Amino acid sequence: MKLGNIKIEVDGSKCRNPMECQKCMRVCPQVVFAAIPTKPKKYELSKDFSLFAPFEAACVLCNLCTSVCPNDAIKITSRGGEKTP
């Protein structure tokens, strides 16, 4: 499988608060993940965040994120649909 030919999906129903956990964001050697506020309000700090992978093309398929996720919220597949090793 060629690098850059993958898709990283984060199940928001399983990943409830990525800013408290941060395990995938800390372990990823390519800094693939980011968290954004789900309900941003002007002049207020957000408490609710959503995790996504804006830099999935940089993923090196180490699968560290999937192994440290306590909720099994991260799935890495090829663009063709097959699951990565």
PDB file of N, CA and C in Angstrom:
ATOM      1  N   MET A   1       0.838  -1.177   0.000  1.00  0.00           N
ATOM      2  CA  MET A   1       0.000   0.000   0.000  1.00  0.00           C
ATOM      3  C   MET A   1       0.883   1.241   0.000  1.00  0.00           C
ATOM      4  N   LYS A   2       0.609   2.167  -0.887  1.00  0.00           N
ATOM      5  CA  LYS A   2       1.402   3.384  -0.969  1.00  0.00           C
ATOM      6  C   LYS A   2       1.011   4.348   0.144  1.00  0.00           C
ATOM      7  N   LEU A   3       2.004   5.048   0.679  1.00  0.00           N
ATOM      8  CA  LEU A   3       1.712   6.073   1.659  1.00  0.00           C
ATOM      9  C   LEU A   3       0.907   7.174   0.988  1.00  0.00           C
ATOM     10  N   GLY A   4       0.026   7.792   1.714  1.00  0.00           N
ATOM     11  CA  GLY A   4      -0.839   8.813   1.158  1.00  0.00           C
ATOM     12  C   GLY A   4      -2.113   8.238   0.561  1.00  0.00           C
ATOM     13  N   ASN A   5      -2.190   6.914   0.465  1.00  0.00           N
ATOM     14  CA  ASN A   5      -3.368   6.246  -0.077  1.00  0.00           C
ATOM     15  C   ASN A   5      -4.220   5.670   1.052  1.00  0.00           C
ATOM     16  N   ILE A   6      -4.250   6.346   2.177  1.00  0.00           N
ATOM     17  CA  ILE A   6      -4.985   5.839   3.323  1.00  0.00           C
ATOM     18  C   ILE A   6      -6.044   6.836   3.770  1.00  0.00           C
ATOM     19  N   LYS A   7      -6.964   6.332   4.566  1.00  0.00           N
ATOM     20  CA  LYS A   7      -8.020   7.164   5.142  1.00  0.00           C
ATOM     21  C   LYS A   7      -8.059   6.882   6.645  1.00  0.00           C
ATOM     22  N   ILE A   8      -8.054   7.946   7.425  1.00  0.00           N
ATOM     23  CA  ILE A   8      -8.142   7.824   8.878  1.00  0.00           C
ATOM     24  C   ILE A   8      -9.509   8.327   9.307  1.00  0.00           C
ATOM     25  N   GLU A   9     -10.261   7.459   9.960  1.00  0.00           N
ATOM     26  CA  GLU A   9     -11.587   7.820  10.436  1.00  0.00           C
ATOM     27  C   GLU A   9     -11.598   7.817  11.960  1.00  0.00           C
ATOM     28  N   VAL A  10     -12.213   8.850  12.529  1.00  0.00           N
ATOM     29  CA  VAL A  10     -12.352   8.943  13.983  1.00  0.00           C
ATOM     30  C   VAL A  10     -13.839   8.900  14.299  1.00  0.00           C
ATOM     31  N   ASP A  11     -14.242   7.935  15.106  1.00  0.00           N
ATOM     32  CA  ASP A  11     -15.637   7.805  15.521  1.00  0.00           C
ATOM     33  C   ASP A  11     -15.891   8.767  16.676  1.00  0.00           C
ATOM     34  N   GLY A  12     -16.596   9.845  16.381  1.00  0.00           N
ATOM     35  CA  GLY A  12     -16.863  10.871  17.379  1.00  0.00           C
ATOM     36  C   GLY A  12     -17.698  10.388  18.545  1.00  0.00           C
ATOM     37  N   SER A  13     -18.479   9.331  18.332  1.00  0.00           N
ATOM     38  CA  SER A  13     -19.282   8.801  19.440  1.00  0.00           C
ATOM     39  C   SER A  13     -18.419   8.031  20.443  1.00  0.00           C
ATOM     40  N   LYS A  14     -17.259   7.584  19.993  1.00  0.00           N
ATOM     41  CA  LYS A  14     -16.335   6.878  20.887  1.00  0.00           C
ATOM     42  C   LYS A  14     -15.265   7.804  21.458  1.00  0.00           C
ATOM     43  N   CYS A  15     -14.869   8.793  20.683  1.00  0.00           N
ATOM     44  CA  CYS A  15     -13.864   9.763  21.115  1.00  0.00           C
ATOM     45  C   CYS A  15     -14.602  10.981  21.646  1.00  0.00           C
ATOM     46  N   ARG A  16     -14.907  10.972  22.918  1.00  0.00           N
ATOM     47  CA  ARG A  16     -15.770  11.997  23.511  1.00  0.00           C
ATOM     48  C   ARG A  16     -15.042  13.299  23.843  1.00  0.00           C
ATOM     49  N   ASN A  17     -13.814  13.224  24.321  1.00  0.00           N
ATOM     50  CA  ASN A  17     -13.102  14.464  24.650  1.00  0.00           C
ATOM     51  C   ASN A  17     -11.605  14.300  24.376  1.00  0.00           C
ATOM     52  N   PRO A  18     -11.192  14.535  23.136  1.00  0.00           N
ATOM     53  CA  PRO A  18      -9.794  14.324  22.760  1.00  0.00           C
ATOM     54  C   PRO A  18      -8.811  15.236  23.496  1.00  0.00           C
ATOM     55  N   MET A  19      -9.255  16.385  23.962  1.00  0.00           N
ATOM     56  CA  MET A  19      -8.344  17.291  24.664  1.00  0.00           C
ATOM     57  C   MET A  19      -8.007  16.800  26.066  1.00  0.00           C
ATOM     58  N   GLU A  20      -8.857  15.979  26.652  1.00  0.00           N
ATOM     59  CA  GLU A  20      -8.531  15.379  27.948  1.00  0.00           C
ATOM     60  C   GLU A  20      -7.641  14.159  27.761  1.00  0.00           C
ATOM     61  N   CYS A  21      -7.929  13.361  26.757  1.00  0.00           N
ATOM     62  CA  CYS A  21      -7.175  12.126  26.518  1.00  0.00           C
ATOM     63  C   CYS A  21      -5.817  12.420  25.860  1.00  0.00           C
ATOM     64  N   GLN A  22      -5.834  12.947  24.682  1.00  0.00           N
ATOM     65  CA  GLN A  22      -4.664  13.322  23.887  1.00  0.00           C
ATOM     66  C   GLN A  22      -3.684  12.193  23.573  1.00  0.00           C
ATOM     67  N   LYS A  23      -4.053  10.955  23.817  1.00  0.00           N
ATOM     68  CA  LYS A  23      -3.109   9.851  23.607  1.00  0.00           C
ATOM     69  C   LYS A  23      -2.665   9.732  22.154  1.00  0.00           C
ATOM     70  N   CYS A  24      -3.610   9.782  21.224  1.00  0.00           N
ATOM     71  CA  CYS A  24      -3.246   9.648  19.807  1.00  0.00           C
ATOM     72  C   CYS A  24      -2.434  10.850  19.332  1.00  0.00           C
ATOM     73  N   MET A  25      -2.794  12.025  19.811  1.00  0.00           N
ATOM     74  CA  MET A  25      -2.080  13.230  19.392  1.00  0.00           C
ATOM     75  C   MET A  25      -0.646  13.236  19.915  1.00  0.00           C
ATOM     76  N   ARG A  26      -0.435  12.668  21.069  1.00  0.00           N
ATOM     77  CA  ARG A  26       0.915  12.640  21.648  1.00  0.00           C
ATOM     78  C   ARG A  26       1.798  11.551  21.042  1.00  0.00           C
ATOM     79  N   VAL A  27       1.205  10.442  20.661  1.00  0.00           N
ATOM     80  CA  VAL A  27       2.005   9.313  20.190  1.00  0.00           C
ATOM     81  C   VAL A  27       2.316   9.373  18.688  1.00  0.00           C
ATOM     82  N   CYS A  28       1.537  10.106  17.930  1.00  0.00           N
ATOM     83  CA  CYS A  28       1.706  10.137  16.472  1.00  0.00           C
ATOM     84  C   CYS A  28       3.015  10.830  16.076  1.00  0.00           C
ATOM     85  N   PRO A  29       3.932  10.101  15.422  1.00  0.00           N
ATOM     86  CA  PRO A  29       5.213  10.700  15.044  1.00  0.00           C
ATOM     87  C   PRO A  29       5.086  11.729  13.911  1.00  0.00           C
ATOM     88  N   GLN A  30       3.990  11.684  13.170  1.00  0.00           N
ATOM     89  CA  GLN A  30       3.800  12.587  12.040  1.00  0.00           C
ATOM     90  C   GLN A  30       2.833  13.735  12.353  1.00  0.00           C
ATOM     91  N   VAL A  31       2.330  13.800  13.561  1.00  0.00           N
ATOM     92  CA  VAL A  31       1.389  14.836  14.004  1.00  0.00           C
ATOM     93  C   VAL A  31       0.205  14.941  13.026  1.00  0.00           C
ATOM     94  N   VAL A  32      -0.438  13.819  12.816  1.00  0.00           N
ATOM     95  CA  VAL A  32      -1.549  13.703  11.877  1.00  0.00           C
ATOM     96  C   VAL A  32      -2.847  14.288  12.440  1.00  0.00           C
ATOM     97  N   PHE A  33      -3.022  14.231  13.762  1.00  0.00           N
ATOM     98  CA  PHE A  33      -4.302  14.577  14.381  1.00  0.00           C
ATOM     99  C   PHE A  33      -4.368  16.009  14.891  1.00  0.00           C
ATOM    100  N   ALA A  34      -5.606  16.504  14.957  1.00  0.00           N
ATOM    101  CA  ALA A  34      -5.881  17.825  15.529  1.00  0.00           C
ATOM    102  C   ALA A  34      -7.264  17.768  16.173  1.00  0.00           C
ATOM    103  N   ALA A  35      -7.483  18.644  17.123  1.00  0.00           N
ATOM    104  CA  ALA A  35      -8.789  18.741  17.771  1.00  0.00           C
ATOM    105  C   ALA A  35      -9.312  20.156  17.575  1.00  0.00           C
ATOM    106  N   ILE A  36     -10.585  20.244  17.213  1.00  0.00           N
ATOM    107  CA  ILE A  36     -11.202  21.555  17.009  1.00  0.00           C
ATOM    108  C   ILE A  36     -12.437  21.666  17.905  1.00  0.00           C
ATOM    109  N   PRO A  37     -12.767  22.870  18.325  1.00  0.00           N
ATOM    110  CA  PRO A  37     -13.974  23.047  19.136  1.00  0.00           C
ATOM    111  C   PRO A  37     -15.227  22.668  18.339  1.00  0.00           C
ATOM    112  N   THR A  38     -16.135  21.944  18.976  1.00  0.00           N
ATOM    113  CA  THR A  38     -17.362  21.545  18.282  1.00  0.00           C
ATOM    114  C   THR A  38     -18.433  22.619  18.361  1.00  0.00           C
ATOM    115  N   LYS A  39     -18.408  23.418  19.426  1.00  0.00           N
ATOM    116  CA  LYS A  39     -19.402  24.486  19.600  1.00  0.00           C
ATOM    117  C   LYS A  39     -18.693  25.786  19.976  1.00  0.00           C
ATOM    118  N   PRO A  40     -17.951  26.360  19.036  1.00  0.00           N
ATOM    119  CA  PRO A  40     -17.214  27.577  19.377  1.00  0.00           C
ATOM    120  C   PRO A  40     -18.157  28.754  19.646  1.00  0.00           C
ATOM    121  N   LYS A  41     -17.831  29.491  20.697  1.00  0.00           N
ATOM    122  CA  LYS A  41     -18.585  30.701  21.032  1.00  0.00           C
ATOM    123  C   LYS A  41     -17.593  31.841  21.158  1.00  0.00           C
ATOM    124  N   LYS A  42     -17.992  32.959  20.659  1.00  0.00           N
ATOM    125  CA  LYS A  42     -17.131  34.129  20.684  1.00  0.00           C
ATOM    126  C   LYS A  42     -16.800  34.512  22.121  1.00  0.00           C
ATOM    127  N   TYR A  43     -15.519  34.750  22.377  1.00  0.00           N
ATOM    128  CA  TYR A  43     -14.992  35.185  23.678  1.00  0.00           C
ATOM    129  C   TYR A  43     -15.138  34.154  24.795  1.00  0.00           C
ATOM    130  N   GLU A  44     -15.315  32.868  24.455  1.00  0.00           N
ATOM    131  CA  GLU A  44     -15.397  31.820  25.466  1.00  0.00           C
ATOM    132  C   GLU A  44     -14.463  30.675  25.094  1.00  0.00           C
ATOM    133  N   LEU A  45     -13.855  30.066  26.101  1.00  0.00           N
ATOM    134  CA  LEU A  45     -13.050  28.876  25.869  1.00  0.00           C
ATOM    135  C   LEU A  45     -13.979  27.686  25.697  1.00  0.00           C
ATOM    136  N   SER A  46     -13.724  26.908  24.684  1.00  0.00           N
ATOM    137  CA  SER A  46     -14.564  25.748  24.423  1.00  0.00           C
ATOM    138  C   SER A  46     -14.218  24.603  25.351  1.00  0.00           C
ATOM    139  N   LYS A  47     -15.217  23.807  25.682  1.00  0.00           N
ATOM    140  CA  LYS A  47     -15.012  22.606  26.496  1.00  0.00           C
ATOM    141  C   LYS A  47     -15.218  21.338  25.679  1.00  0.00           C
ATOM    142  N   ASP A  48     -15.863  21.463  24.534  1.00  0.00           N
ATOM    143  CA  ASP A  48     -16.148  20.315  23.677  1.00  0.00           C
ATOM    144  C   ASP A  48     -15.315  20.382  22.410  1.00  0.00           C
ATOM    145  N   PHE A  49     -14.615  19.267  22.144  1.00  0.00           N
ATOM    146  CA  PHE A  49     -13.742  19.206  20.972  1.00  0.00           C
ATOM    147  C   PHE A  49     -14.029  17.957  20.162  1.00  0.00           C
ATOM    148  N   SER A  50     -13.667  18.028  18.899  1.00  0.00           N
ATOM    149  CA  SER A  50     -13.795  16.900  17.988  1.00  0.00           C
ATOM    150  C   SER A  50     -12.422  16.609  17.396  1.00  0.00           C
ATOM    151  N   LEU A  51     -12.072  15.340  17.328  1.00  0.00           N
ATOM    152  CA  LEU A  51     -10.779  14.929  16.782  1.00  0.00           C
ATOM    153  C   LEU A  51     -10.924  14.609  15.300  1.00  0.00           C
ATOM    154  N   PHE A  52      -9.960  15.026  14.504  1.00  0.00           N
ATOM    155  CA  PHE A  52      -9.936  14.659  13.102  1.00  0.00           C
ATOM    156  C   PHE A  52      -8.483  14.568  12.645  1.00  0.00           C
ATOM    157  N   ALA A  53      -8.274  14.091  11.426  1.00  0.00           N
ATOM    158  CA  ALA A  53      -6.920  13.862  10.910  1.00  0.00           C
ATOM    159  C   ALA A  53      -6.689  14.717   9.661  1.00  0.00           C
ATOM    160  N   PRO A  54      -6.375  15.999   9.835  1.00  0.00           N
ATOM    161  CA  PRO A  54      -6.199  16.856   8.661  1.00  0.00           C
ATOM    162  C   PRO A  54      -4.945  16.542   7.848  1.00  0.00           C
ATOM    163  N   PHE A  55      -4.010  15.842   8.454  1.00  0.00           N
ATOM    164  CA  PHE A  55      -2.752  15.546   7.770  1.00  0.00           C
ATOM    165  C   PHE A  55      -2.578  14.044   7.541  1.00  0.00           C
ATOM    166  N   GLU A  56      -3.670  13.365   7.183  1.00  0.00           N
ATOM    167  CA  GLU A  56      -3.625  11.911   7.014  1.00  0.00           C
ATOM    168  C   GLU A  56      -2.661  11.486   5.914  1.00  0.00           C
ATOM    169  N   ALA A  57      -2.381  12.351   4.963  1.00  0.00           N
ATOM    170  CA  ALA A  57      -1.434  12.011   3.893  1.00  0.00           C
ATOM    171  C   ALA A  57      -0.021  11.816   4.439  1.00  0.00           C
ATOM    172  N   ALA A  58       0.255  12.370   5.622  1.00  0.00           N
ATOM    173  CA  ALA A  58       1.579  12.227   6.242  1.00  0.00           C
ATOM    174  C   ALA A  58       1.702  10.949   7.066  1.00  0.00           C
ATOM    175  N   CYS A  59       0.612  10.223   7.229  1.00  0.00           N
ATOM    176  CA  CYS A  59       0.604   9.006   8.052  1.00  0.00           C
ATOM    177  C   CYS A  59       1.589   7.967   7.492  1.00  0.00           C
ATOM    178  N   VAL A  60       2.371   7.365   8.385  1.00  0.00           N
ATOM    179  CA  VAL A  60       3.350   6.354   7.984  1.00  0.00           C
ATOM    180  C   VAL A  60       2.899   4.940   8.362  1.00  0.00           C
ATOM    181  N   LEU A  61       1.632   4.800   8.715  1.00  0.00           N
ATOM    182  CA  LEU A  61       1.013   3.508   9.032  1.00  0.00           C
ATOM    183  C   LEU A  61       1.674   2.777  10.202  1.00  0.00           C
ATOM    184  N   CYS A  62       2.137   3.516  11.184  1.00  0.00           N
ATOM    185  CA  CYS A  62       2.746   2.871  12.348  1.00  0.00           C
ATOM    186  C   CYS A  62       1.687   2.273  13.270  1.00  0.00           C
ATOM    187  N   ASN A  63       0.431   2.734  13.149  1.00  0.00           N
ATOM    188  CA  ASN A  63      -0.701   2.261  13.946  1.00  0.00           C
ATOM    189  C   ASN A  63      -0.553   2.487  15.447  1.00  0.00           C
ATOM    190  N   LEU A  64       0.327   3.394  15.832  1.00  0.00           N
ATOM    191  CA  LEU A  64       0.458   3.718  17.253  1.00  0.00           C
ATOM    192  C   LEU A  64      -0.833   4.342  17.782  1.00  0.00           C
ATOM    193  N   CYS A  65      -1.478   5.158  16.970  1.00  0.00           N
ATOM    194  CA  CYS A  65      -2.717   5.817  17.398  1.00  0.00           C
ATOM    195  C   CYS A  65      -3.814   4.800  17.703  1.00  0.00           C
ATOM    196  N   THR A  66      -3.950   3.799  16.845  1.00  0.00           N
ATOM    197  CA  THR A  66      -4.992   2.798  17.069  1.00  0.00           C
ATOM    198  C   THR A  66      -4.687   1.935  18.283  1.00  0.00           C
ATOM    199  N   SER A  67      -3.416   1.720  18.563  1.00  0.00           N
ATOM    200  CA  SER A  67      -3.063   0.872  19.708  1.00  0.00           C
ATOM    201  C   SER A  67      -3.194   1.600  21.049  1.00  0.00           C
ATOM    202  N   VAL A  68      -3.043   2.938  21.075  1.00  0.00           N
ATOM    203  CA  VAL A  68      -3.160   3.656  22.350  1.00  0.00           C
ATOM    204  C   VAL A  68      -4.569   4.180  22.625  1.00  0.00           C
ATOM    205  N   CYS A  69      -5.425   4.192  21.624  1.00  0.00           N
ATOM    206  CA  CYS A  69      -6.777   4.722  21.817  1.00  0.00           C
ATOM    207  C   CYS A  69      -7.563   3.820  22.771  1.00  0.00           C
ATOM    208  N   PRO A  70      -7.973   4.356  23.928  1.00  0.00           N
ATOM    209  CA  PRO A  70      -8.674   3.518  24.905  1.00  0.00           C
ATOM    210  C   PRO A  70     -10.102   3.165  24.488  1.00  0.00           C
ATOM    211  N   ASN A  71     -10.634   3.854  23.476  1.00  0.00           N
ATOM    212  CA  ASN A  71     -12.023   3.629  23.071  1.00  0.00           C
ATOM    213  C   ASN A  71     -12.170   3.009  21.685  1.00  0.00           C
ATOM    214  N   ASP A  72     -11.052   2.618  21.070  1.00  0.00           N
ATOM    215  CA  ASP A  72     -11.074   2.021  19.733  1.00  0.00           C
ATOM    216  C   ASP A  72     -11.814   2.930  18.742  1.00  0.00           C
ATOM    217  N   ALA A  73     -11.526   4.231  18.824  1.00  0.00           N
ATOM    218  CA  ALA A  73     -12.238   5.218  18.013  1.00  0.00           C
ATOM    219  C   ALA A  73     -11.576   5.510  16.673  1.00  0.00           C
ATOM    220  N   ILE A  74     -10.356   5.032  16.461  1.00  0.00           N
ATOM    221  CA  ILE A  74      -9.608   5.357  15.244  1.00  0.00           C
ATOM    222  C   ILE A  74      -9.504   4.134  14.342  1.00  0.00           C
ATOM    223  N   LYS A  75      -9.881   4.333  13.091  1.00  0.00           N
ATOM    224  CA  LYS A  75      -9.764   3.267  12.091  1.00  0.00           C
ATOM    225  C   LYS A  75      -8.939   3.792  10.927  1.00  0.00           C
ATOM    226  N   ILE A  76      -7.971   2.998  10.503  1.00  0.00           N
ATOM    227  CA  ILE A  76      -7.144   3.352   9.347  1.00  0.00           C
ATOM    228  C   ILE A  76      -7.409   2.326   8.259  1.00  0.00           C
ATOM    229  N   THR A  77      -7.830   2.816   7.091  1.00  0.00           N
ATOM    230  CA  THR A  77      -8.099   1.935   5.967  1.00  0.00           C
ATOM    231  C   THR A  77      -7.438   2.511   4.713  1.00  0.00           C
ATOM    232  N   SER A  78      -7.310   1.681   3.706  1.00  0.00           N
ATOM    233  CA  SER A  78      -6.795   2.178   2.428  1.00  0.00           C
ATOM    234  C   SER A  78      -7.950   2.845   1.701  1.00  0.00           C
ATOM    235  N   ARG A  79      -7.656   3.637   0.721  1.00  0.00           N
ATOM    236  CA  ARG A  79      -8.711   4.297  -0.056  1.00  0.00           C
ATOM    237  C   ARG A  79      -9.572   3.265  -0.767  1.00  0.00           C
ATOM    238  N   GLY A  80      -9.049   2.052  -0.949  1.00  0.00           N
ATOM    239  CA  GLY A  80      -9.808   0.987  -1.571  1.00  0.00           C
ATOM    240  C   GLY A  80     -10.701   0.239  -0.600  1.00  0.00           C
ATOM    241  N   GLY A  81     -10.587   0.551   0.699  1.00  0.00           N
ATOM    242  CA  GLY A  81     -11.460  -0.047   1.694  1.00  0.00           C
ATOM    243  C   GLY A  81     -10.843  -1.132   2.559  1.00  0.00           C
ATOM    244  N   GLU A  82      -9.630  -1.601   2.210  1.00  0.00           N
ATOM    245  CA  GLU A  82      -9.031  -2.652   3.018  1.00  0.00           C
ATOM    246  C   GLU A  82      -8.416  -2.072   4.287  1.00  0.00           C
ATOM    247  N   LYS A  83      -8.481  -2.843   5.372  1.00  0.00           N
ATOM    248  CA  LYS A  83      -7.950  -2.412   6.649  1.00  0.00           C
ATOM    249  C   LYS A  83      -6.434  -2.548   6.644  1.00  0.00           C
ATOM    250  N   THR A  84      -5.756  -1.634   7.335  1.00  0.00           N
ATOM    251  CA  THR A  84      -4.292  -1.692   7.385  1.00  0.00           C
ATOM    252  C   THR A  84      -3.861  -2.741   8.387  1.00  0.00           C
ATOM    253  N   PRO A  85      -2.623  -3.221   8.282  1.00  0.00           N
ATOM    254  CA  PRO A  85      -2.139  -4.247   9.214  1.00  0.00           C
ATOM    255  C   PRO A  85      -2.047  -3.748  10.634  1.00  0.00           C
TER     256      PRO A  85
END
